[in-house]
């Protein structure tokens, strides 16, 4: 039980840092994805494909 909680916590922290790193790189281009509960949970569950899909949605919609 404790291992599963730490696994989820680790994925969440890695997702936050990954999204923050992407925002640092993409900020000069204007393609910033907000760091909120929905984006963090998507990245925690699906990983890199979720980040790529969020970027595609950001480019197509805006």
N, C-alpha and C. Protein backbone atom coordinates (compact mmCIF):
# COMPACT_ATOMS: atom_id res chain seq x y z
N UNK A 1 0.82 -1.19 0.00
CA UNK A 1 0.00 0.00 0.00
C UNK A 1 0.87 1.26 0.00
N UNK A 2 1.86 1.29 0.84
CA UNK A 2 2.76 2.45 0.92
C UNK A 2 3.55 2.59 -0.37
N UNK A 3 3.98 1.47 -0.95
CA UNK A 3 4.74 1.52 -2.20
C UNK A 3 3.90 2.12 -3.33
N UNK A 4 2.64 1.78 -3.37
CA UNK A 4 1.76 2.31 -4.41
C UNK A 4 1.55 3.82 -4.24
N UNK A 5 1.43 4.26 -3.01
CA UNK A 5 1.27 5.70 -2.75
C UNK A 5 2.52 6.45 -3.18
N UNK A 6 3.70 5.91 -2.85
CA UNK A 6 4.94 6.56 -3.27
C UNK A 6 5.11 6.52 -4.78
N UNK A 7 4.64 5.47 -5.43
CA UNK A 7 4.73 5.38 -6.89
C UNK A 7 3.88 6.46 -7.55
N UNK A 8 2.66 6.65 -7.05
CA UNK A 8 1.78 7.69 -7.59
C UNK A 8 2.36 9.07 -7.29
N UNK A 9 2.88 9.26 -6.10
CA UNK A 9 3.49 10.54 -5.73
C UNK A 9 4.70 10.84 -6.60
N UNK A 10 5.51 9.83 -6.88
CA UNK A 10 6.68 10.01 -7.73
C UNK A 10 6.27 10.39 -9.16
N UNK A 11 5.25 9.72 -9.70
CA UNK A 11 4.78 10.04 -11.04
C UNK A 11 4.24 11.47 -11.10
N UNK A 12 3.56 11.89 -10.05
CA UNK A 12 3.01 13.24 -10.01
C UNK A 12 4.12 14.29 -9.97
N UNK A 13 5.13 14.06 -9.17
CA UNK A 13 6.25 15.01 -9.07
C UNK A 13 7.02 15.07 -10.37
N UNK A 14 7.26 13.92 -11.00
CA UNK A 14 7.96 13.90 -12.29
C UNK A 14 7.13 14.63 -13.35
N UNK A 15 5.82 14.47 -13.30
CA UNK A 15 4.95 15.15 -14.26
C UNK A 15 5.00 16.66 -14.08
N UNK A 16 5.01 17.10 -12.83
CA UNK A 16 5.09 18.55 -12.56
C UNK A 16 6.40 19.11 -13.09
N UNK A 17 7.50 18.44 -12.82
CA UNK A 17 8.79 18.93 -13.30
C UNK A 17 8.89 18.85 -14.82
N UNK A 18 8.32 17.81 -15.42
CA UNK A 18 8.33 17.70 -16.87
C UNK A 18 7.54 18.81 -17.54
N UNK A 19 6.38 19.11 -17.00
CA UNK A 19 5.57 20.19 -17.55
C UNK A 19 6.23 21.55 -17.33
N UNK A 20 6.86 21.73 -16.18
CA UNK A 20 7.58 22.97 -15.92
C UNK A 20 8.77 23.13 -16.87
N UNK A 21 9.47 22.04 -17.12
CA UNK A 21 10.59 22.07 -18.06
C UNK A 21 10.13 22.40 -19.47
N UNK A 22 9.02 21.79 -19.88
CA UNK A 22 8.46 22.12 -21.20
C UNK A 22 8.10 23.59 -21.27
N UNK A 23 7.46 24.11 -20.21
CA UNK A 23 7.06 25.52 -20.21
C UNK A 23 8.26 26.46 -20.26
N UNK A 24 9.37 26.07 -19.64
CA UNK A 24 10.58 26.89 -19.73
C UNK A 24 11.11 26.96 -21.16
N UNK A 25 11.05 25.83 -21.86
CA UNK A 25 11.55 25.79 -23.23
C UNK A 25 10.58 26.47 -24.20
N UNK A 26 9.28 26.27 -24.00
CA UNK A 26 8.29 26.76 -24.96
C UNK A 26 7.80 28.17 -24.67
N UNK A 27 8.17 28.76 -23.56
CA UNK A 27 7.68 30.10 -23.22
C UNK A 27 8.07 31.16 -24.24
N UNK A 28 9.28 31.17 -24.76
CA UNK A 28 9.60 32.19 -25.78
C UNK A 28 8.77 32.06 -27.05
N UNK A 29 8.29 30.85 -27.34
CA UNK A 29 7.47 30.64 -28.53
C UNK A 29 5.99 30.92 -28.29
N UNK A 30 5.61 31.04 -27.03
CA UNK A 30 4.22 31.32 -26.70
C UNK A 30 3.35 30.08 -26.56
N UNK A 31 3.94 28.90 -26.49
CA UNK A 31 3.18 27.65 -26.36
C UNK A 31 3.26 27.13 -24.93
N UNK A 32 2.67 27.85 -24.00
CA UNK A 32 2.73 27.48 -22.59
C UNK A 32 1.48 26.69 -22.22
N UNK A 33 1.68 25.56 -21.58
CA UNK A 33 0.58 24.74 -21.07
C UNK A 33 0.46 25.04 -19.58
N UNK A 34 -0.72 25.39 -19.11
CA UNK A 34 -0.86 25.72 -17.69
C UNK A 34 -0.63 24.49 -16.80
N UNK A 35 -0.07 24.73 -15.65
CA UNK A 35 0.15 23.66 -14.69
C UNK A 35 -1.04 23.67 -13.73
N UNK A 36 -1.96 22.73 -13.94
CA UNK A 36 -3.12 22.62 -13.08
C UNK A 36 -3.43 21.14 -12.84
N UNK A 37 -4.50 20.87 -12.12
CA UNK A 37 -4.82 19.51 -11.73
C UNK A 37 -5.07 18.60 -12.94
N UNK A 38 -5.74 19.11 -13.95
CA UNK A 38 -6.08 18.29 -15.12
C UNK A 38 -4.83 17.92 -15.90
N UNK A 39 -3.96 18.88 -16.17
CA UNK A 39 -2.75 18.57 -16.94
C UNK A 39 -1.80 17.68 -16.16
N UNK A 40 -1.68 17.90 -14.87
CA UNK A 40 -0.81 17.05 -14.05
C UNK A 40 -1.35 15.63 -14.00
N UNK A 41 -2.66 15.47 -13.83
CA UNK A 41 -3.21 14.12 -13.78
C UNK A 41 -3.10 13.42 -15.13
N UNK A 42 -3.30 14.14 -16.24
CA UNK A 42 -3.12 13.54 -17.55
C UNK A 42 -1.69 13.06 -17.75
N UNK A 43 -0.74 13.89 -17.37
CA UNK A 43 0.66 13.50 -17.52
C UNK A 43 1.04 12.37 -16.58
N UNK A 44 0.47 12.34 -15.41
CA UNK A 44 0.77 11.27 -14.47
C UNK A 44 0.24 9.93 -14.97
N UNK A 45 -0.91 9.95 -15.60
CA UNK A 45 -1.52 8.70 -16.06
C UNK A 45 -0.92 8.25 -17.39
N UNK A 46 -0.82 9.16 -18.37
CA UNK A 46 -0.43 8.76 -19.72
C UNK A 46 1.01 9.07 -20.10
N UNK A 47 1.68 9.96 -19.38
CA UNK A 47 3.09 10.23 -19.63
C UNK A 47 3.35 11.15 -20.81
N UNK A 48 4.41 10.85 -21.55
CA UNK A 48 4.85 11.69 -22.67
C UNK A 48 3.81 11.81 -23.78
N UNK A 49 3.08 10.74 -24.14
CA UNK A 49 2.04 10.93 -25.16
C UNK A 49 0.99 11.97 -24.78
N UNK A 50 0.69 12.10 -23.50
CA UNK A 50 -0.25 13.13 -23.06
C UNK A 50 0.33 14.52 -23.27
N UNK A 51 1.63 14.68 -23.01
CA UNK A 51 2.27 15.98 -23.24
C UNK A 51 2.24 16.33 -24.72
N UNK A 52 2.53 15.37 -25.57
CA UNK A 52 2.48 15.62 -27.01
C UNK A 52 1.07 15.96 -27.47
N UNK A 53 0.07 15.27 -26.95
CA UNK A 53 -1.30 15.57 -27.34
C UNK A 53 -1.73 16.94 -26.83
N UNK A 54 -1.29 17.33 -25.64
CA UNK A 54 -1.60 18.67 -25.14
C UNK A 54 -0.96 19.74 -26.01
N UNK A 55 0.25 19.50 -26.47
CA UNK A 55 0.91 20.46 -27.37
C UNK A 55 0.16 20.55 -28.68
N UNK A 56 -0.26 19.42 -29.23
CA UNK A 56 -1.01 19.42 -30.50
C UNK A 56 -2.33 20.16 -30.34
N UNK A 57 -3.05 19.91 -29.25
CA UNK A 57 -4.29 20.62 -29.00
C UNK A 57 -4.05 22.11 -28.85
N UNK A 58 -2.97 22.48 -28.16
CA UNK A 58 -2.64 23.89 -27.99
C UNK A 58 -2.37 24.57 -29.33
N UNK A 59 -1.65 23.89 -30.20
CA UNK A 59 -1.32 24.47 -31.51
C UNK A 59 -2.54 24.56 -32.40
N UNK A 60 -3.37 23.52 -32.40
CA UNK A 60 -4.53 23.50 -33.29
C UNK A 60 -5.61 24.45 -32.82
N UNK A 61 -5.89 24.49 -31.53
CA UNK A 61 -6.99 25.30 -31.03
C UNK A 61 -6.62 26.78 -30.97
N UNK A 62 -5.42 27.07 -30.49
CA UNK A 62 -5.03 28.45 -30.33
C UNK A 62 -4.06 28.82 -31.42
